[in-house]
Every structure is written in structure tokens, then in C-alpha cells.
Amino acid sequence: MPPARTARDRGQVAIEYIGFLPILLLVALAAVQLGLIAYTAQQAGTAARTGARSASLEGPYEADCRAAVSGWLDVTGCPASYGGDEVTVTATVEIPSLVPGWTFDPARKTATMPLDH
């Protein structure tokens, strides 16, 4: 026969769960932040390719680069450099942080396209 539970044991599991809950929330936030970092890097690559394609066609590459990313992301730079028969654009996109105090370097991606003559 199992030992009888005393009144002092009631609620012990709830207290242990409440104590562990902040750790679970921190792990969940870190996982979401990691996904946000990967998404921002993918968007920076899209911006760089779009900017390089536009610059190779002598289009408004800076505006096209900024328009290629989601509206809630901030493109801080999209310079082009021309050399020979190609153009290279490097897009810099700020990585948003979910937790105050967590800061990240911006995502930078580069794309090169041949010039359209």
C-alpha cells in the first residue's frame, strides 16, 4: 500500500513547475530569436540579389533593395560597387531583438550580377 500523502505535499508539483517556468520561457524566446536571425539573414540575401539585379539593369537599385524585404525589417545600407562587367551589392539588415538587452550585429549579404550591356 502506497504511503498516504500529507497535507504538506499538496501543491509541491505546482511550485516546482512555477519555479521552472522562467527557464522554459527563456529557452522558447531563444528558439524564436534564432529563427528570427535566420529569417533576417535570408531577407538580407534577397535584398542583395534584388539590388544587384536592379543595378545591373541601371535601375533604382537602392529602392529595389529596400523594397525586397519585409516591411518590419530595417535595411540600413545597400551600396553597389561596379567593376569590369559586373556589379556587386551588399545589403545590411538590422536583426530585431525580442528581449531587451539582447543585441546582434546586422545581417550582411552580398550578391554579384553581370552588367546588362
C-alpha atoms as a PDB file:
ATOM      1  CA  MET A   1       0.000   0.000   0.000  1.00  0.00           C
ATOM      2  CA  PRO A   2       1.498   3.424  -1.003  1.00  0.00           C
ATOM      3  CA  PRO A   3       2.152   5.884   1.782  1.00  0.00           C
ATOM      4  CA  ALA A   4      -0.622   8.385   2.389  1.00  0.00           C
ATOM      5  CA  ARG A   5       0.043  11.902   1.155  1.00  0.00           C
ATOM      6  CA  THR A   6       0.110  14.514   3.828  1.00  0.00           C
ATOM      7  CA  ALA A   7      -1.394  17.956   3.551  1.00  0.00           C
ATOM      8  CA  ARG A   8       2.107  19.428   3.299  1.00  0.00           C
ATOM      9  CA  ASP A   9       2.787  17.596  -0.002  1.00  0.00           C
ATOM     10  CA  ARG A  10      -0.168  19.147  -1.803  1.00  0.00           C
ATOM     11  CA  GLY A  11       0.895  21.759  -4.337  1.00  0.00           C
ATOM     12  CA  GLN A  12       4.531  20.726  -4.439  1.00  0.00           C
ATOM     13  CA  VAL A  13       4.407  19.929  -8.154  1.00  0.00           C
ATOM     14  CA  ALA A  14       2.781  23.289  -8.889  1.00  0.00           C
ATOM     15  CA  ILE A  15       5.529  25.132  -7.015  1.00  0.00           C
ATOM     16  CA  GLU A  16       8.243  23.195  -8.859  1.00  0.00           C
ATOM     17  CA  TYR A  17       6.568  23.968 -12.190  1.00  0.00           C
ATOM     18  CA  ILE A  18       6.310  27.681 -11.396  1.00  0.00           C
ATOM     19  CA  GLY A  19       9.997  27.695 -10.498  1.00  0.00           C
ATOM     20  CA  PHE A  20      10.923  26.030 -13.786  1.00  0.00           C
ATOM     21  CA  LEU A  21       8.620  28.192 -15.939  1.00  0.00           C
ATOM     22  CA  PRO A  22      11.079  31.128 -16.388  1.00  0.00           C
ATOM     23  CA  ILE A  23      13.691  28.729 -17.754  1.00  0.00           C
ATOM     24  CA  LEU A  24      11.180  27.294 -20.219  1.00  0.00           C
ATOM     25  CA  LEU A  25      10.189  30.792 -21.334  1.00  0.00           C
ATOM     26  CA  LEU A  26      13.834  31.799 -21.827  1.00  0.00           C
ATOM     27  CA  VAL A  27      14.510  28.706 -23.943  1.00  0.00           C
ATOM     28  CA  ALA A  28      11.385  29.389 -26.016  1.00  0.00           C
ATOM     29  CA  LEU A  29      12.401  33.030 -26.575  1.00  0.00           C
ATOM     30  CA  ALA A  30      15.908  31.955 -27.573  1.00  0.00           C
ATOM     31  CA  ALA A  31      14.464  29.497 -30.116  1.00  0.00           C
ATOM     32  CA  VAL A  32      12.197  32.165 -31.612  1.00  0.00           C
ATOM     33  CA  GLN A  33      15.103  34.636 -31.687  1.00  0.00           C
ATOM     34  CA  LEU A  34      17.248  32.101 -33.532  1.00  0.00           C
ATOM     35  CA  GLY A  35      14.517  31.710 -36.135  1.00  0.00           C
ATOM     36  CA  LEU A  36      14.268  35.492 -36.455  1.00  0.00           C
ATOM     37  CA  ILE A  37      18.023  35.722 -37.039  1.00  0.00           C
ATOM     38  CA  ALA A  38      17.829  33.095 -39.791  1.00  0.00           C
ATOM     39  CA  TYR A  39      14.843  34.848 -41.403  1.00  0.00           C
ATOM     40  CA  THR A  40      16.633  38.221 -41.334  1.00  0.00           C
ATOM     41  CA  ALA A  41      19.725  36.685 -42.962  1.00  0.00           C
ATOM     42  CA  GLN A  42      17.524  35.181 -45.694  1.00  0.00           C
ATOM     43  CA  GLN A  43      15.861  38.566 -46.256  1.00  0.00           C
ATOM     44  CA  ALA A  44      19.290  40.262 -46.495  1.00  0.00           C
ATOM     45  CA  GLY A  45      20.241  37.779 -49.233  1.00  0.00           C
ATOM     46  CA  THR A  46      17.025  38.535 -51.098  1.00  0.00           C
ATOM     47  CA  ALA A  47      17.670  42.276 -50.805  1.00  0.00           C
ATOM     48  CA  ALA A  48      21.244  41.910 -52.092  1.00  0.00           C
ATOM     49  CA  ARG A  49      20.171  39.817 -55.108  1.00  0.00           C
ATOM     50  CA  THR A  50      17.327  42.208 -55.950  1.00  0.00           C
ATOM     51  CA  GLY A  51      19.605  45.238 -55.601  1.00  0.00           C
ATOM     52  CA  ALA A  52      22.314  43.648 -57.765  1.00  0.00           C
ATOM     53  CA  ARG A  53      19.788  42.660 -60.440  1.00  0.00           C
ATOM     54  CA  SER A  54      18.374  46.206 -60.472  1.00  0.00           C
ATOM     55  CA  ALA A  55      21.840  47.797 -60.549  1.00  0.00           C
ATOM     56  CA  SER A  56      22.869  45.542 -63.461  1.00  0.00           C
ATOM     57  CA  LEU A  57      19.902  46.937 -65.400  1.00  0.00           C
ATOM     58  CA  GLU A  58      20.725  50.517 -64.311  1.00  0.00           C
ATOM     59  CA  GLY A  59      17.571  50.667 -62.204  1.00  0.00           C
ATOM     60  CA  PRO A  60      16.915  52.283 -58.821  1.00  0.00           C
ATOM     61  CA  TYR A  61      18.858  49.564 -57.020  1.00  0.00           C
ATOM     62  CA  GLU A  62      18.788  51.205 -53.576  1.00  0.00           C
ATOM     63  CA  ALA A  63      14.981  51.489 -53.575  1.00  0.00           C
ATOM     64  CA  ASP A  64      14.585  47.996 -55.032  1.00  0.00           C
ATOM     65  CA  CYS A  65      16.920  46.587 -52.377  1.00  0.00           C
ATOM     66  CA  ARG A  66      14.858  48.160 -49.584  1.00  0.00           C
ATOM     67  CA  ALA A  67      11.539  47.085 -51.136  1.00  0.00           C
ATOM     68  CA  ALA A  68      12.647  43.435 -51.347  1.00  0.00           C
ATOM     69  CA  VAL A  69      12.489  42.819 -47.581  1.00  0.00           C
ATOM     70  CA  SER A  70       9.538  42.552 -45.215  1.00  0.00           C
ATOM     71  CA  GLY A  71       8.190  45.924 -44.169  1.00  0.00           C
ATOM     72  CA  TRP A  72       9.026  45.433 -40.489  1.00  0.00           C
ATOM     73  CA  LEU A  73      12.748  44.874 -41.172  1.00  0.00           C
ATOM     74  CA  ASP A  74      15.145  47.810 -41.483  1.00  0.00           C
ATOM     75  CA  VAL A  75      17.628  47.881 -44.381  1.00  0.00           C
ATOM     76  CA  THR A  76      20.420  50.184 -43.221  1.00  0.00           C
ATOM     77  CA  GLY A  77      22.544  50.044 -46.351  1.00  0.00           C
ATOM     78  CA  CYS A  78      22.617  48.710 -49.885  1.00  0.00           C
ATOM     79  CA  PRO A  79      25.706  50.121 -51.633  1.00  0.00           C
ATOM     80  CA  ALA A  80      26.745  48.988 -55.094  1.00  0.00           C
ATOM     81  CA  SER A  81      30.257  48.642 -56.455  1.00  0.00           C
ATOM     82  CA  TYR A  82      30.931  48.338 -60.164  1.00  0.00           C
ATOM     83  CA  GLY A  83      33.939  46.538 -61.553  1.00  0.00           C
ATOM     84  CA  GLY A  84      34.570  45.258 -65.048  1.00  0.00           C
ATOM     85  CA  ASP A  85      31.422  43.648 -66.403  1.00  0.00           C
ATOM     86  CA  GLU A  86      29.700  43.083 -63.060  1.00  0.00           C
ATOM     87  CA  VAL A  87      28.090  44.878 -60.158  1.00  0.00           C
ATOM     88  CA  THR A  88      28.165  43.816 -56.502  1.00  0.00           C
ATOM     89  CA  VAL A  89      25.587  44.916 -53.939  1.00  0.00           C
ATOM     90  CA  THR A  90      25.889  44.324 -50.200  1.00  0.00           C
ATOM     91  CA  ALA A  91      22.660  44.545 -48.207  1.00  0.00           C
ATOM     92  CA  THR A  92      22.767  45.233 -44.476  1.00  0.00           C
ATOM     93  CA  VAL A  93      19.624  44.432 -42.477  1.00  0.00           C
ATOM     94  CA  GLU A  94      19.226  45.053 -38.751  1.00  0.00           C
ATOM     95  CA  ILE A  95      18.295  41.973 -36.706  1.00  0.00           C
ATOM     96  CA  PRO A  96      15.401  42.794 -34.366  1.00  0.00           C
ATOM     97  CA  SER A  97      15.664  41.618 -30.769  1.00  0.00           C
ATOM     98  CA  LEU A  98      12.804  40.053 -28.823  1.00  0.00           C
ATOM     99  CA  VAL A  99      14.424  40.560 -25.433  1.00  0.00           C
ATOM    100  CA  PRO A 100      15.641  43.968 -24.243  1.00  0.00           C
ATOM    101  CA  GLY A 101      19.384  43.850 -23.775  1.00  0.00           C
ATOM    102  CA  TRP A 102      19.996  41.196 -26.411  1.00  0.00           C
ATOM    103  CA  THR A 103      21.800  42.893 -29.298  1.00  0.00           C
ATOM    104  CA  PHE A 104      23.029  41.381 -32.528  1.00  0.00           C
ATOM    105  CA  ASP A 105      25.259  42.510 -35.364  1.00  0.00           C
ATOM    106  CA  PRO A 106      23.293  43.227 -38.538  1.00  0.00           C
ATOM    107  CA  ALA A 107      22.927  40.591 -41.236  1.00  0.00           C
ATOM    108  CA  ARG A 108      25.104  41.363 -44.297  1.00  0.00           C
ATOM    109  CA  LYS A 109      24.755  39.537 -47.587  1.00  0.00           C
ATOM    110  CA  THR A 110      26.456  40.205 -50.913  1.00  0.00           C
ATOM    111  CA  ALA A 111      25.323  39.401 -54.441  1.00  0.00           C
ATOM    112  CA  THR A 112      27.085  39.905 -57.778  1.00  0.00           C
ATOM    113  CA  MET A 113      25.380  40.129 -61.173  1.00  0.00           C
ATOM    114  CA  PRO A 114      26.746  40.679 -64.674  1.00  0.00           C
ATOM    115  CA  LEU A 115      26.086  44.079 -66.195  1.00  0.00           C
ATOM    116  CA  ASP A 116      23.453  44.108 -68.913  1.00  0.00           C
ATOM    117  CA  HIS A 117      25.007  45.825 -71.919  1.00  0.00           C
END
